Amino acid sequence: MADGNIDDEAHSCLPPEGSAGETPSAVLSWAPTSESQESIGALHRVYNDFEKICSGFWAANMIRTVDNGDMRCPENTMRVFARSHVTHCVGRITEAIVLDKGRPDVAAAVMMQLLEDGDADVAANMASAPVKRGKPAASFRVFDLMMREGESAAAADVLFHIVREGDAPVVADLLTALVMLGELKHARDVAALLIARGRHGAELAEALGWMIRVGEAAAVAEIVAAVVKAGGLVLACDPPVAAVVLGGAAPGQSPVLELIRMGHVDVVAKICGEVICQKRLDLVCGCFEALADSGRPDAVTEVVQILAMLHRPAVIAQIVAELVGRQRLDLAASCLAALLHGELLWAAAATEDHMAAARVELELSRRGLEAQMVHTSMLLIRGGKVEEWAAIAGELLRMGETAAVAERVAALMDVIGPYLTSSAVAFLAHRTSARAVAQLLLELWASGRNHAASELLAAVANRSPKIARNAVILMGQAPSVAAILVRLAGTGHTDAVVRINRAVRAIGRSTNRHSMTTV
């Protein structure tokens, strides 16, 4: 009987039948009832009340000791909690001091004293803990007070160490709050100090990156614009910061687009110009490509136009060359087209890479902008940049675009006259060979521009008979050669014909003498 009772008791501890395949957790699991939930809620309320009383006690004690001029007790209290990784308590005490007792000055004084004593990590913990607990108002009031009392450097130091402690989102929240609450000046000063004090651009860049990721690109744009407009262009172009600002973010998360939308195109242009001067052209062109690919090529052209107005043609030339090198001829051509439409021809005439310039010129001609390209050529020639024009023309000839160059030369003769045009063509011959002149003359005659062909040959003969002679010889027995010479004589350019004939006879005599000497 006893044995049966024992067995019954033993079996009562085993899982019920049919539950052999169930896990212990499934057997022991239970769902909280409404009564248990209410009990847990009551327990939480009691704990919160107790915590509030304790934090209030610590806060009152710290305020009293600070008012009495003793910073040791508050410092030691925060050190113990922070170094014990009890961040929750640090946050509650800071909130009690600032929000419940209304003494942000005490919290600020403790933070600054901790900084002075070399406990920057504790000060950072004290500043970030309320934000982590969802009470950013406490930290904001402390920083706002520090900034108003001229302690911007201390505020920047605290924020710097917050990022170093791995809490960049906290700094992002505080900077966003400063902007949203109309304290842009404070956000600007903190940002500038974070970069300037020891070149901590990486820390600010990390915080700005968090702001962009959570949809606060507009706040980033406002801070950057404020820094640049206050004379901090070099600070805003610190490598990590510039990489974040110009980085190819999505259209809705691009500080560059936000700057343009706010009317700060000049800020974007200045940043691009400075970044290119720092030899980081790829960063700017990457930004332009991202803007164009996201459907905003107009934003790129706006920036390029402002760069032209800022008298940075060399920068534009580098951008165009780099875009062509990246196989973005369309975007490069759009940039120069915007300059041409905006009558900024002198900026469009600047070149960095002659081959790239030649390819862009062809693209612009196909877009119906040949008249503007003639004007840019005129600016180059009249501005003493004949070698630039000749280099581009030489590239076009190498690409087999003789007709395009001939058309440009004919138009130039109408605009600036045969004399200046012949100087450019002569330089082209010096840079390449007289064959270039021969090609142009034959193309002009073949396309019906007889007058242009004869006038060009006459001007070249007057400037350099040797080049004219070589061109005529290279044209060989083509019927157009005799026709051009006859037209020269018939249009009053007999002296040019005489010079060419003399040069040809001179080379003939030289050849005969050489043959006799050889024999």
Protein backbone atom coordinates (compact mmCIF):
# COMPACT_ATOMS: atom_id res chain seq x y z
CA MET A 1 0.00 0.00 0.00
CA ALA A 2 2.84 2.29 0.98
CA ASP A 3 4.75 1.33 -2.17
CA GLY A 4 1.73 2.23 -4.26
CA ASN A 5 1.57 5.65 -2.59
CA ILE A 6 5.24 6.20 -3.25
CA ASP A 7 4.79 5.31 -6.90
CA ASP A 8 1.81 7.63 -7.15
CA GLU A 9 3.83 10.46 -5.65
CA ALA A 10 6.72 9.73 -7.98
CA HIS A 11 4.46 9.60 -11.01
CA SER A 12 2.85 12.88 -10.02
CA CYS A 13 6.22 14.61 -10.70
CA LEU A 14 6.42 13.25 -14.25
CA PRO A 15 4.97 14.98 -17.33
CA PRO A 16 1.38 13.94 -18.12
CA GLU A 17 0.81 11.19 -20.67
CA GLY A 18 1.16 12.21 -24.29
CA SER A 19 3.69 14.94 -23.48
CA ALA A 20 6.83 12.84 -23.94
CA GLY A 21 7.75 14.74 -27.10
CA GLU A 22 7.27 18.18 -25.52
CA THR A 23 10.19 20.24 -24.30
CA PRO A 24 10.46 21.21 -20.64
CA SER A 25 10.02 24.87 -21.57
CA ALA A 26 6.76 24.05 -23.31
CA VAL A 27 5.53 22.17 -20.24
CA LEU A 28 6.57 24.91 -17.81
CA SER A 29 5.46 27.86 -20.01
CA TRP A 30 2.62 29.97 -18.81
CA ALA A 31 0.81 33.03 -20.10
CA PRO A 32 0.54 36.01 -17.77
CA THR A 33 -2.97 36.70 -16.59
CA SER A 34 -4.46 40.16 -16.22
CA GLU A 35 -3.83 39.91 -12.48
CA SER A 36 -0.14 39.10 -12.97
CA GLN A 37 0.24 41.94 -15.49
CA GLU A 38 -1.33 44.34 -13.02
CA SER A 39 1.03 43.12 -10.31
CA ILE A 40 4.06 43.63 -12.56
CA GLY A 41 2.86 47.13 -13.47
CA ALA A 42 2.43 47.98 -9.80
CA LEU A 43 5.91 46.66 -9.07
CA HIS A 44 7.35 48.85 -11.85
CA ARG A 45 5.59 51.89 -10.46
CA VAL A 46 6.90 51.22 -6.98
CA TYR A 47 10.42 50.74 -8.36
CA ASN A 48 10.21 53.94 -10.39
CA ASP A 49 9.00 55.87 -7.36
CA PHE A 50 11.83 54.44 -5.29
CA GLU A 51 14.34 55.25 -8.04
CA LYS A 52 12.99 58.78 -8.29
CA ILE A 53 13.35 59.27 -4.53
CA CYS A 54 16.93 57.95 -4.61
CA SER A 55 17.94 60.05 -7.62
CA GLY A 56 16.29 63.07 -6.02
CA PHE A 57 18.32 62.47 -2.88
CA TRP A 58 21.57 62.24 -4.82
CA ALA A 59 20.65 65.29 -6.90
CA ALA A 60 19.82 67.40 -3.83
CA ASN A 61 23.03 66.36 -2.15
CA MET A 62 25.10 67.21 -5.24
CA ILE A 63 23.42 70.60 -5.65
CA ARG A 64 24.05 71.45 -2.00
CA THR A 65 27.72 70.51 -2.13
CA VAL A 66 28.30 72.37 -5.41
CA ASP A 67 26.63 75.47 -4.00
CA ASN A 68 28.98 75.16 -1.03
CA GLY A 69 31.93 75.13 -3.40
CA ASP A 70 32.79 71.45 -3.00
CA MET A 71 33.00 69.51 -6.27
CA ARG A 72 34.55 66.35 -4.84
CA CYS A 73 31.32 64.66 -3.77
CA PRO A 74 29.47 65.13 -7.10
CA GLU A 75 32.55 64.09 -9.05
CA ASN A 76 33.09 60.96 -6.98
CA THR A 77 29.40 60.04 -7.19
CA MET A 78 29.40 60.22 -10.98
CA ARG A 79 32.75 58.43 -11.20
CA VAL A 80 31.47 55.49 -9.13
CA PHE A 81 28.25 55.07 -11.12
CA ALA A 82 29.90 55.61 -14.53
CA ARG A 83 32.89 53.36 -13.89
CA SER A 84 30.52 50.69 -12.52
CA HIS A 85 28.63 50.92 -15.84
CA VAL A 86 25.43 51.91 -14.05
CA THR A 87 24.52 54.35 -16.81
CA HIS A 88 20.86 54.22 -15.84
CA CYS A 89 21.60 55.79 -12.46
CA VAL A 90 23.85 58.44 -14.02
CA GLY A 91 20.99 59.38 -16.32
CA ARG A 92 18.40 59.51 -13.53
CA ILE A 93 20.57 61.71 -11.31
CA THR A 94 21.38 64.10 -14.19
CA GLU A 95 17.68 64.32 -15.09
CA ALA A 96 16.80 65.02 -11.45
CA ILE A 97 19.36 67.84 -11.27
CA VAL A 98 18.33 69.46 -14.55
CA LEU A 99 14.63 68.73 -15.00
CA ASP A 100 13.30 68.15 -11.47
CA LYS A 101 15.48 70.65 -9.60
CA GLY A 102 15.92 73.10 -12.50
CA ARG A 103 19.71 73.37 -12.02
CA PRO A 104 21.41 72.73 -15.39
CA ASP A 105 24.22 74.98 -14.13
CA VAL A 106 25.17 72.35 -11.54
CA ALA A 107 25.27 69.57 -14.12
CA ALA A 108 27.35 71.78 -16.43
CA ALA A 109 29.75 72.64 -13.60
CA VAL A 110 30.24 68.97 -12.72
CA MET A 111 30.87 68.04 -16.37
CA MET A 112 33.43 70.80 -16.86
CA GLN A 113 35.21 69.90 -13.63
CA LEU A 114 35.36 66.26 -14.73
CA LEU A 115 36.89 67.40 -18.03
CA GLU A 116 39.45 69.50 -16.19
CA ASP A 117 40.38 66.57 -13.95
CA GLY A 118 40.92 64.25 -16.92
CA ASP A 119 37.69 62.28 -16.52
CA ALA A 120 36.29 63.09 -19.96
CA ASP A 121 34.72 59.62 -20.24
CA VAL A 122 32.67 60.24 -17.08
CA ALA A 123 31.57 63.67 -18.35
CA ALA A 124 30.57 62.07 -21.66
CA ASN A 125 28.61 59.39 -19.79
CA MET A 126 26.83 62.04 -17.76
CA ALA A 127 25.87 63.98 -20.92
CA SER A 128 24.75 61.00 -22.98
CA ALA A 129 22.87 58.98 -20.35
CA PRO A 130 19.66 61.10 -20.38
CA VAL A 131 19.49 60.91 -24.18
CA LYS A 132 19.79 57.13 -24.05
CA ARG A 133 16.91 57.08 -21.55
CA GLY A 134 14.72 59.09 -23.91
CA LYS A 135 15.13 62.37 -22.00
CA PRO A 136 17.26 64.47 -24.39
CA ALA A 137 15.82 67.67 -22.89
CA ALA A 138 18.10 67.27 -19.87
CA SER A 139 21.27 67.07 -21.96
CA PHE A 140 20.06 69.79 -24.31
CA ARG A 141 19.50 72.26 -21.47
CA VAL A 142 23.00 71.61 -20.12
CA PHE A 143 24.66 72.14 -23.50
CA ASP A 144 22.50 75.18 -24.23
CA LEU A 145 23.63 76.74 -20.95
CA MET A 146 27.29 75.94 -21.64
CA MET A 147 27.09 77.53 -25.09
CA ARG A 148 25.33 80.64 -23.79
CA GLU A 149 27.97 81.11 -21.12
CA GLY A 150 30.78 80.90 -23.67
CA GLU A 151 31.86 77.37 -22.87
CA SER A 152 31.61 76.16 -26.47
CA ALA A 153 35.03 74.51 -26.29
CA ALA A 154 34.01 72.46 -23.24
CA ALA A 155 30.75 71.46 -24.93
CA ALA A 156 32.67 70.36 -28.03
CA ASP A 157 35.09 68.34 -25.89
CA VAL A 158 32.21 66.51 -24.21
CA LEU A 159 30.58 65.74 -27.56
CA PHE A 160 33.90 64.57 -28.96
CA HIS A 161 34.32 62.06 -26.14
CA ILE A 162 30.70 60.94 -26.50
CA VAL A 163 31.49 59.93 -30.10
CA ARG A 164 34.74 58.32 -28.96
CA GLU A 165 32.72 56.25 -26.46
CA GLY A 166 30.70 54.88 -29.39
CA ASP A 167 27.63 57.07 -28.92
CA ALA A 168 27.63 59.09 -32.16
CA PRO A 169 23.79 58.85 -32.36
CA VAL A 170 23.61 60.86 -29.13
CA VAL A 171 25.63 63.69 -30.67
CA ALA A 172 23.48 63.45 -33.79
CA ASP A 173 20.34 63.86 -31.67
CA LEU A 174 21.77 66.85 -29.82
CA LEU A 175 22.91 68.61 -33.01
CA THR A 176 19.52 67.98 -34.60
CA ALA A 177 17.78 69.37 -31.52
CA LEU A 178 19.93 72.51 -31.63
CA VAL A 179 18.95 73.11 -35.27
CA MET A 180 15.27 72.30 -34.78
CA LEU A 181 14.99 74.60 -31.75
CA GLY A 182 16.51 77.55 -33.57
CA GLU A 183 19.98 77.34 -32.04
CA LEU A 184 21.79 76.97 -35.36
CA LYS A 185 24.59 79.26 -34.17
CA HIS A 186 25.37 76.87 -31.31
CA ALA A 187 25.29 73.85 -33.64
CA ARG A 188 27.62 75.68 -36.03
CA ASP A 189 30.09 76.57 -33.28
CA VAL A 190 30.15 73.04 -31.87
CA ALA A 191 30.63 71.54 -35.34
CA ALA A 192 33.47 73.93 -36.15
CA LEU A 193 35.17 73.26 -32.83
CA LEU A 194 34.85 69.50 -33.23
CA ILE A 195 36.84 69.79 -36.46
CA ALA A 196 39.26 72.52 -35.43
CA ARG A 197 40.28 71.25 -31.99
CA GLY A 198 42.84 68.61 -32.87
CA ARG A 199 41.35 67.98 -36.33
CA HIS A 200 38.52 65.81 -35.11
CA GLY A 201 36.66 65.82 -38.43
CA ALA A 202 36.12 62.07 -38.25
CA GLU A 203 34.05 62.38 -35.06
CA LEU A 204 31.80 65.08 -36.49
CA ALA A 205 31.52 63.16 -39.76
CA GLU A 206 30.29 60.11 -37.86
CA ALA A 207 27.61 62.16 -36.11
CA LEU A 208 26.56 63.84 -39.37
CA GLY A 209 26.36 60.42 -41.00
CA TRP A 210 23.90 59.30 -38.33
CA MET A 211 21.82 62.41 -38.90
CA ILE A 212 21.63 61.66 -42.63
CA ARG A 213 20.69 58.03 -42.04
CA VAL A 214 17.74 58.99 -39.84
CA GLY A 215 16.43 61.51 -42.37
CA GLU A 216 17.96 64.71 -41.03
CA ALA A 217 19.96 65.67 -44.13
CA ALA A 218 18.32 69.11 -44.00
CA ALA A 219 19.77 69.73 -40.53
CA VAL A 220 23.21 68.67 -41.78
CA ALA A 221 22.86 71.08 -44.70
CA GLU A 222 21.97 73.95 -42.37
CA ILE A 223 24.97 73.28 -40.13
CA VAL A 224 27.37 73.04 -43.09
CA ALA A 225 26.00 76.21 -44.69
CA ALA A 226 26.34 78.08 -41.40
CA VAL A 227 29.96 76.94 -40.99
CA VAL A 228 30.89 77.98 -44.56
CA LYS A 229 29.13 81.34 -44.38
CA ALA A 230 30.92 82.09 -41.10
CA GLY A 231 34.28 81.70 -42.85
CA GLY A 232 34.83 78.03 -42.07
CA LEU A 233 35.08 76.73 -45.64
CA VAL A 234 38.33 74.87 -44.92
CA LEU A 235 36.73 73.26 -41.84
CA ALA A 236 33.68 72.14 -43.83
CA CYS A 237 36.06 70.63 -46.41
CA ASP A 238 37.92 68.53 -43.84
CA PRO A 239 38.24 65.15 -45.62
CA PRO A 240 35.85 63.04 -43.48
CA VAL A 241 33.25 65.83 -43.29
CA ALA A 242 33.39 66.59 -47.03
CA ALA A 243 33.03 62.88 -47.77
CA VAL A 244 29.77 62.82 -45.77
CA VAL A 245 28.41 66.04 -47.27
CA LEU A 246 29.27 65.17 -50.88
CA GLY A 247 28.79 61.42 -50.50
CA GLY A 248 26.46 59.81 -52.99
CA ALA A 249 23.45 59.45 -50.71
CA ALA A 250 19.94 58.72 -51.96
CA PRO A 251 18.00 61.76 -53.28
CA GLY A 252 15.99 62.10 -50.09
CA GLN A 253 19.12 61.90 -47.93
CA SER A 254 21.53 64.17 -49.77
CA PRO A 255 22.88 67.23 -47.94
CA VAL A 256 23.94 68.64 -51.32
CA LEU A 257 20.38 68.55 -52.64
CA GLU A 258 19.13 70.10 -49.41
CA LEU A 259 21.70 72.90 -49.72
CA ILE A 260 20.56 73.59 -53.28
CA ARG A 261 16.90 73.49 -52.25
CA MET A 262 17.66 76.03 -49.50
CA GLY A 263 19.31 78.34 -52.03
CA HIS A 264 22.87 77.62 -50.90
CA VAL A 265 24.22 76.63 -54.33
CA ASP A 266 27.17 78.94 -53.67
CA VAL A 267 28.06 76.88 -50.59
CA VAL A 268 28.09 73.66 -52.62
CA ALA A 269 30.21 75.32 -55.32
CA LYS A 270 32.72 76.63 -52.78
CA ILE A 271 33.01 73.20 -51.14
CA CYS A 272 33.52 71.54 -54.54
CA GLY A 273 36.18 74.07 -55.51
CA GLU A 274 38.07 73.65 -52.24
CA VAL A 275 37.83 69.85 -52.32
CA ILE A 276 39.24 69.80 -55.87
CA CYS A 277 42.11 72.02 -54.74
CA GLN A 278 42.80 69.34 -52.13
CA LYS A 279 43.27 66.83 -54.98
CA ARG A 280 40.02 64.98 -54.30
CA LEU A 281 38.40 65.43 -57.69
CA ASP A 282 36.92 61.92 -57.57
CA LEU A 283 34.76 62.88 -54.58
CA VAL A 284 33.18 65.83 -56.42
CA CYS A 285 32.61 63.90 -59.64
CA GLY A 286 31.15 60.99 -57.67
CA CYS A 287 28.69 63.44 -56.10
CA PHE A 288 27.79 64.85 -59.53
CA GLU A 289 27.24 61.36 -60.94
CA ALA A 290 24.99 60.42 -58.02
CA LEU A 291 22.93 63.58 -58.52
CA ALA A 292 22.58 62.95 -62.25
CA ASP A 293 21.71 59.27 -61.78
CA SER A 294 19.02 60.21 -59.25
CA GLY A 295 17.32 62.45 -61.81
CA ARG A 296 18.84 65.78 -60.81
CA PRO A 297 21.39 66.73 -63.51
CA ASP A 298 20.04 70.28 -63.17
CA ALA A 299 21.59 70.41 -59.70
CA VAL A 300 24.99 69.64 -61.22
CA THR A 301 24.69 72.37 -63.85
CA GLU A 302 23.64 74.90 -61.18
CA VAL A 303 26.79 74.17 -59.19
CA VAL A 304 29.01 74.42 -62.29
CA GLN A 305 27.49 77.79 -63.21
CA ILE A 306 28.23 79.16 -59.75
CA LEU A 307 31.79 77.83 -60.00
CA ALA A 308 32.13 79.83 -63.21
CA MET A 309 30.79 82.95 -61.52
CA LEU A 310 33.30 82.41 -58.72
CA HIS A 311 36.02 82.63 -61.39
CA ARG A 312 37.10 78.99 -61.12
CA PRO A 313 37.44 77.96 -64.80
CA ALA A 314 40.41 75.72 -64.00
CA VAL A 315 38.23 73.76 -61.57
CA ILE A 316 35.53 73.37 -64.22
CA ALA A 317 38.12 72.13 -66.70
CA GLN A 318 39.25 69.46 -64.23
CA ILE A 319 35.65 68.38 -63.58
CA VAL A 320 34.91 68.07 -67.30
CA ALA A 321 38.08 66.06 -67.95
CA GLU A 322 37.36 63.71 -65.03
CA LEU A 323 33.74 63.15 -66.11
CA VAL A 324 34.89 62.29 -69.63
CA GLY A 325 37.44 59.90 -68.13
CA ARG A 326 34.61 58.27 -66.15
CA GLN A 327 32.70 57.70 -69.41
CA ARG A 328 30.17 60.41 -68.50
CA LEU A 329 30.49 62.46 -71.67
CA ASP A 330 26.78 63.30 -71.46
CA LEU A 331 27.16 64.90 -68.05
CA ALA A 332 30.36 66.74 -69.03
CA ALA A 333 28.63 68.13 -72.10
CA SER A 334 25.62 69.19 -70.02
CA CYS A 335 27.91 71.12 -67.69
CA LEU A 336 29.51 73.05 -70.54
CA ALA A 337 26.16 73.50 -72.28
CA ALA A 338 24.85 75.19 -69.13
CA LEU A 339 27.81 77.58 -69.23
CA LEU A 340 27.23 78.32 -72.90
CA HIS A 341 23.52 78.97 -72.38
CA GLY A 342 24.41 81.19 -69.43
CA GLU A 343 26.81 83.16 -71.64
CA LEU A 344 29.76 82.08 -69.50
CA LEU A 345 31.82 81.32 -72.58
CA TRP A 346 35.18 82.17 -71.03
CA ALA A 347 34.63 79.46 -68.40
CA ALA A 348 33.57 76.93 -71.03
CA ALA A 349 36.75 77.65 -72.98
CA ALA A 350 39.03 76.42 -70.18
CA THR A 351 40.62 73.04 -70.85
CA GLU A 352 42.48 70.53 -68.70
CA ASP A 353 42.65 67.50 -70.99
CA HIS A 354 42.72 68.27 -74.71
CA MET A 355 41.34 64.90 -75.77
CA ALA A 356 38.47 65.23 -73.30
CA ALA A 357 37.82 68.77 -74.51
CA ALA A 358 37.71 67.57 -78.11
CA ARG A 359 35.17 64.85 -77.29
CA VAL A 360 32.99 67.30 -75.38
CA GLU A 361 33.14 69.83 -78.23
CA LEU A 362 31.91 67.19 -80.66
CA GLU A 363 29.04 66.32 -78.34
CA LEU A 364 28.08 69.98 -77.97
CA SER A 365 28.18 70.49 -81.73
CA ARG A 366 25.82 67.54 -82.12
CA ARG A 367 23.51 69.25 -79.63
CA GLY A 368 23.33 72.30 -81.88
CA LEU A 369 25.75 74.50 -79.95
CA GLU A 370 28.31 74.98 -82.72
CA ALA A 371 27.84 78.77 -82.73
CA GLN A 372 28.74 78.93 -79.05
CA MET A 373 31.74 76.67 -79.62
CA VAL A 374 32.97 79.09 -82.30
CA HIS A 375 32.80 81.85 -79.70
CA THR A 376 34.80 79.81 -77.18
CA SER A 377 37.44 79.19 -79.87
CA MET A 378 37.51 82.92 -80.54
CA LEU A 379 38.06 83.59 -76.83
CA LEU A 380 40.96 81.15 -76.74
CA ILE A 381 42.65 82.66 -79.80
CA ARG A 382 42.10 86.29 -78.84
CA GLY A 383 43.08 85.55 -75.25
CA GLY A 384 46.51 84.31 -76.27
CA LYS A 385 45.60 80.64 -75.78
CA VAL A 386 46.30 79.66 -79.39
CA GLU A 387 48.20 76.57 -78.25
CA GLU A 388 45.08 75.36 -76.40
CA TRP A 389 42.94 75.76 -79.51
CA ALA A 390 45.56 74.03 -81.66
CA ALA A 391 45.83 71.12 -79.23
CA ILE A 392 42.07 70.53 -79.28
CA ALA A 393 41.93 70.88 -83.08
CA GLY A 394 44.79 68.40 -83.38
CA GLU A 395 42.88 65.87 -81.26
CA LEU A 396 39.80 66.32 -83.46
CA LEU A 397 41.88 65.71 -86.59
CA ARG A 398 43.35 62.56 -85.03
CA MET A 399 39.80 61.43 -84.34
CA GLY A 400 39.02 61.84 -88.05
CA GLU A 401 36.83 64.91 -87.53
CA THR A 402 38.40 66.99 -90.31
CA ALA A 403 35.01 68.31 -91.43
CA ALA A 404 34.24 69.60 -87.93
CA VAL A 405 37.57 71.46 -87.69
CA ALA A 406 37.20 72.87 -91.21
CA GLU A 407 33.72 74.15 -90.36
CA ARG A 408 35.05 75.76 -87.19
CA VAL A 409 37.93 77.40 -89.10
CA ALA A 410 35.57 78.80 -91.75
CA ALA A 411 33.35 80.26 -89.04
CA LEU A 412 36.35 81.76 -87.24
CA MET A 413 37.46 83.50 -90.42
CA ASP A 414 34.08 85.22 -90.55
CA VAL A 415 34.24 86.22 -86.86
CA ILE A 416 37.88 87.18 -86.24
CA GLY A 417 39.21 87.39 -89.80
CA PRO A 418 41.81 85.42 -91.78
CA TYR A 419 44.82 86.92 -89.99
CA LEU A 420 44.05 85.65 -86.47
CA THR A 421 42.62 82.43 -87.83
CA SER A 422 45.79 81.78 -89.83
CA SER A 423 47.86 82.28 -86.68
CA ALA A 424 45.90 79.49 -85.01
CA VAL A 425 46.16 77.24 -88.07
CA ALA A 426 49.90 77.92 -88.33
CA PHE A 427 50.30 76.94 -84.67
CA LEU A 428 48.33 73.79 -85.45
CA ALA A 429 50.83 73.00 -88.22
CA HIS A 430 53.76 73.60 -85.86
CA ARG A 431 52.15 71.36 -83.25
CA THR A 432 51.31 68.55 -85.68
CA SER A 433 52.48 69.03 -89.29
CA ALA A 434 51.64 70.90 -92.47
CA ARG A 435 49.44 67.93 -93.34
CA ALA A 436 46.81 69.39 -91.00
CA VAL A 437 46.68 72.57 -93.11
CA ALA A 438 46.49 70.50 -96.30
CA GLN A 439 43.59 68.48 -94.87
CA LEU A 440 41.71 71.63 -93.89
CA LEU A 441 42.24 73.30 -97.28
CA LEU A 442 41.04 70.24 -99.18
CA GLU A 443 38.01 69.87 -96.89
CA LEU A 444 37.09 73.55 -97.23
CA TRP A 445 37.30 73.37 -101.02
CA ALA A 446 35.39 70.08 -101.18
CA SER A 447 32.59 71.48 -99.01
CA GLY A 448 32.15 74.49 -101.29
CA ARG A 449 33.90 77.01 -99.07
CA ASN A 450 36.23 78.10 -101.87
CA HIS A 451 36.62 81.65 -100.62
CA ALA A 452 37.53 80.45 -97.13
CA ALA A 453 40.10 78.01 -98.54
CA SER A 454 41.87 80.61 -100.68
CA GLU A 455 41.79 83.28 -97.96
CA LEU A 456 43.21 80.84 -95.42
CA LEU A 457 46.04 79.76 -97.73
CA ALA A 458 46.87 83.40 -98.51
CA ALA A 459 46.97 84.31 -94.81
CA VAL A 460 49.14 81.30 -94.00
CA ALA A 461 51.49 82.11 -96.91
CA ASN A 462 51.91 85.68 -95.67
CA ARG A 463 52.59 84.45 -92.13
CA SER A 464 54.68 81.36 -92.91
CA PRO A 465 55.52 80.60 -96.57
CA LYS A 466 57.19 77.36 -95.50
CA ILE A 467 53.95 75.98 -94.01
CA ALA A 468 51.96 77.08 -97.08
CA ARG A 469 54.55 75.48 -99.39
CA ASN A 470 54.47 72.18 -97.49
CA ALA A 471 50.69 72.18 -97.48
CA VAL A 472 50.55 72.70 -101.25
CA ILE A 473 53.11 69.95 -101.82
CA LEU A 474 51.21 67.56 -99.54
CA MET A 475 47.99 68.23 -101.45
CA GLY A 476 49.82 66.75 -104.45
CA GLN A 477 48.13 66.59 -107.85
CA ALA A 478 44.61 67.21 -106.54
CA PRO A 479 42.65 69.42 -109.00
CA SER A 480 41.71 71.67 -106.11
CA VAL A 481 45.34 72.75 -105.67
CA ALA A 482 45.52 74.54 -109.00
CA ALA A 483 42.02 75.91 -108.48
CA ILE A 484 42.96 77.39 -105.10
CA LEU A 485 46.11 78.99 -106.53
CA VAL A 486 44.19 80.43 -109.49
CA ARG A 487 41.57 81.82 -107.12
CA LEU A 488 44.34 83.36 -105.02
CA ALA A 489 45.71 85.20 -108.04
CA GLY A 490 42.23 86.25 -109.11
CA THR A 491 41.35 87.73 -105.71
CA GLY A 492 44.38 89.98 -105.41
CA HIS A 493 46.64 87.61 -103.50
CA THR A 494 49.32 87.45 -106.20
CA ASP A 495 52.02 88.06 -103.61
CA ALA A 496 50.91 84.95 -101.72
CA VAL A 497 51.13 82.88 -104.91
CA VAL A 498 54.60 84.27 -105.57
CA ARG A 499 55.75 83.37 -102.05
CA ILE A 500 54.45 79.83 -102.39
CA ASN A 501 56.09 79.38 -105.83
CA ARG A 502 59.41 80.71 -104.55
CA ALA A 503 59.27 78.34 -101.58
CA VAL A 504 58.47 75.41 -103.86
CA ARG A 505 61.30 76.30 -106.28
CA ALA A 506 63.69 76.75 -103.34
CA ILE A 507 62.99 73.26 -102.06
CA GLY A 508 63.37 71.97 -105.63
CA ARG A 509 66.81 73.57 -106.01
CA SER A 510 67.83 72.22 -102.62
CA THR A 511 66.77 68.73 -103.69
CA ASN A 512 68.71 68.98 -106.98
CA ARG A 513 71.88 70.13 -105.21
CA HIS A 514 71.53 67.26 -102.77
CA SER A 515 71.18 64.80 -105.67
CA MET A 516 74.28 66.18 -107.44
CA THR A 517 76.29 65.99 -104.24
CA THR A 518 75.23 62.41 -103.76
CA VAL A 519 76.28 61.53 -107.33
